[in-house]
Amino acid sequence: MMIEEEREHFRAKLTAMQGEIRAISGSAAQDLKPLVLDHTSVGRVSRIDAIQLQQMSQEATRRRQQHLVKIDGALRRIESGRFGLCFLCRIEIDLRRLSADLTITRCRDCVEAL
């Protein structure tokens, strides 16, 4: 059974990760603005590069948002006392596995069974 100190350690790490991602998201918000190109002064390759960079930025933002959702879920599980328990079999997830990814929701056996 996970002790309170471990739970608090994981909560602090998750909260720090959440803050870092939100800070990055705030600084990357400018990259998501609609792309405005002057077709008379920008070459075709430059336009393609600009569009590609914008798409990469949008994907990075989508991944950050997805990670925030996972972190929020982990924090809710800590509050409810279900953190570290497998969603499928309700057995404790190994602490080494949990330390590697604080947002996981399944034990190794259940992941392998899927």
Protein backbone atom coordinates (compact mmCIF):
# COMPACT_ATOMS: atom_id res chain seq x y z
CA MET A 1 0.00 0.00 0.00
CA MET A 2 1.29 3.45 -0.90
CA ILE A 3 2.13 5.60 2.09
CA GLU A 4 1.08 9.23 2.44
CA GLU A 5 4.64 10.53 1.91
CA GLU A 6 4.82 8.79 -1.46
CA ARG A 7 1.43 10.13 -2.45
CA GLU A 8 2.48 13.67 -1.52
CA HIS A 9 5.74 13.26 -3.44
CA PHE A 10 3.78 12.18 -6.54
CA ARG A 11 1.30 15.04 -6.07
CA ALA A 12 4.16 17.56 -5.95
CA LYS A 13 5.76 16.09 -9.07
CA LEU A 14 2.46 16.11 -10.96
CA THR A 15 1.72 19.70 -9.92
CA ALA A 16 5.20 20.78 -11.07
CA MET A 17 4.73 19.02 -14.41
CA GLN A 18 1.35 20.71 -14.79
CA GLY A 19 2.89 24.14 -14.17
CA GLU A 20 5.71 23.52 -16.66
CA ILE A 21 3.31 22.43 -19.39
CA ARG A 22 1.02 25.41 -18.79
CA ALA A 23 4.01 27.78 -18.95
CA ILE A 24 5.12 26.27 -22.25
CA SER A 25 1.57 26.44 -23.58
CA GLY A 26 1.34 30.11 -22.67
CA SER A 27 4.55 30.96 -24.48
CA ALA A 28 3.58 28.87 -27.51
CA ALA A 29 0.16 30.50 -27.92
CA GLN A 30 1.52 32.92 -30.50
CA ASP A 31 2.45 30.00 -32.75
CA LEU A 32 -1.23 29.07 -33.03
CA LYS A 33 -2.38 32.35 -34.50
CA PRO A 34 -3.72 32.11 -38.05
CA LEU A 35 -0.97 32.09 -40.63
CA VAL A 36 -0.92 35.22 -42.79
CA LEU A 37 1.35 35.11 -45.80
CA ASP A 38 2.07 37.78 -48.33
CA HIS A 39 1.91 35.74 -51.51
CA THR A 40 3.70 38.44 -53.49
CA SER A 41 6.84 38.52 -51.35
CA VAL A 42 7.09 34.98 -50.01
CA GLY A 43 8.14 32.10 -52.22
CA ARG A 44 6.25 28.85 -52.54
CA VAL A 45 8.81 26.89 -50.49
CA SER A 46 8.71 29.49 -47.71
CA ARG A 47 4.91 29.24 -47.58
CA ILE A 48 5.09 25.46 -47.35
CA ASP A 49 7.69 25.71 -44.58
CA ALA A 50 5.52 28.20 -42.68
CA ILE A 51 2.46 25.97 -42.99
CA GLN A 52 4.45 22.93 -41.91
CA LEU A 53 5.84 24.75 -38.86
CA GLN A 54 2.36 25.86 -37.88
CA GLN A 55 1.04 22.30 -38.16
CA MET A 56 3.90 21.01 -36.01
CA SER A 57 3.12 23.67 -33.42
CA GLN A 58 -0.54 22.70 -33.42
CA GLU A 59 0.36 19.04 -32.89
CA ALA A 60 2.70 19.93 -30.02
CA THR A 61 -0.11 21.95 -28.43
CA ARG A 62 -2.52 19.04 -28.84
CA ARG A 63 -0.03 16.70 -27.13
CA ARG A 64 0.50 19.15 -24.25
CA GLN A 65 -3.27 19.39 -23.75
CA GLN A 66 -3.54 15.61 -23.79
CA HIS A 67 -0.77 15.37 -21.18
CA LEU A 68 -2.54 17.95 -19.00
CA VAL A 69 -5.71 15.83 -19.10
CA LYS A 70 -3.70 12.80 -17.94
CA ILE A 71 -2.08 14.82 -15.15
CA ASP A 72 -5.47 16.15 -14.02
CA GLY A 73 -6.74 12.57 -13.90
CA ALA A 74 -3.75 11.45 -11.81
CA LEU A 75 -4.30 14.34 -9.38
CA ARG A 76 -7.98 13.40 -9.06
CA ARG A 77 -6.98 9.79 -8.36
CA ILE A 78 -4.63 11.00 -5.61
CA GLU A 79 -7.49 12.97 -4.04
CA SER A 80 -9.86 10.01 -4.21
CA GLY A 81 -7.32 7.51 -2.92
CA ARG A 82 -7.26 5.48 -6.15
CA PHE A 83 -3.84 6.67 -7.34
CA GLY A 84 -1.53 3.77 -8.11
CA LEU A 85 -4.33 1.25 -8.53
CA CYS A 86 -4.93 -0.43 -11.89
CA PHE A 87 -8.21 0.64 -13.51
CA LEU A 88 -8.89 -2.90 -14.69
CA CYS A 89 -7.85 -5.28 -11.91
CA ARG A 90 -7.62 -2.80 -8.97
CA ILE A 91 -4.20 -4.20 -7.98
CA GLU A 92 -1.43 -1.76 -7.04
CA ILE A 93 0.78 -0.66 -9.91
CA ASP A 94 4.46 -1.29 -9.22
CA LEU A 95 6.06 1.89 -7.80
CA ARG A 96 8.96 1.70 -10.28
CA ARG A 97 6.50 1.65 -13.17
CA LEU A 98 4.45 4.43 -11.61
CA SER A 99 7.58 6.53 -11.00
CA ALA A 100 8.46 6.25 -14.68
CA ASP A 101 5.03 7.57 -15.73
CA LEU A 102 2.87 9.15 -13.04
CA THR A 103 -0.18 9.18 -15.30
CA ILE A 104 -0.43 5.46 -16.06
CA THR A 105 -3.67 3.75 -15.13
CA ARG A 106 -2.92 0.08 -15.76
CA CYS A 107 -0.55 -2.48 -14.29
CA ARG A 108 1.91 -4.33 -16.49
CA ASP A 109 -0.13 -7.52 -16.55
CA CYS A 110 -3.27 -5.73 -17.75
CA VAL A 111 -1.34 -3.81 -20.41
CA GLU A 112 0.19 -7.04 -21.68
CA ALA A 113 -3.24 -8.73 -21.69
CA LEU A 114 -4.61 -6.01 -23.95
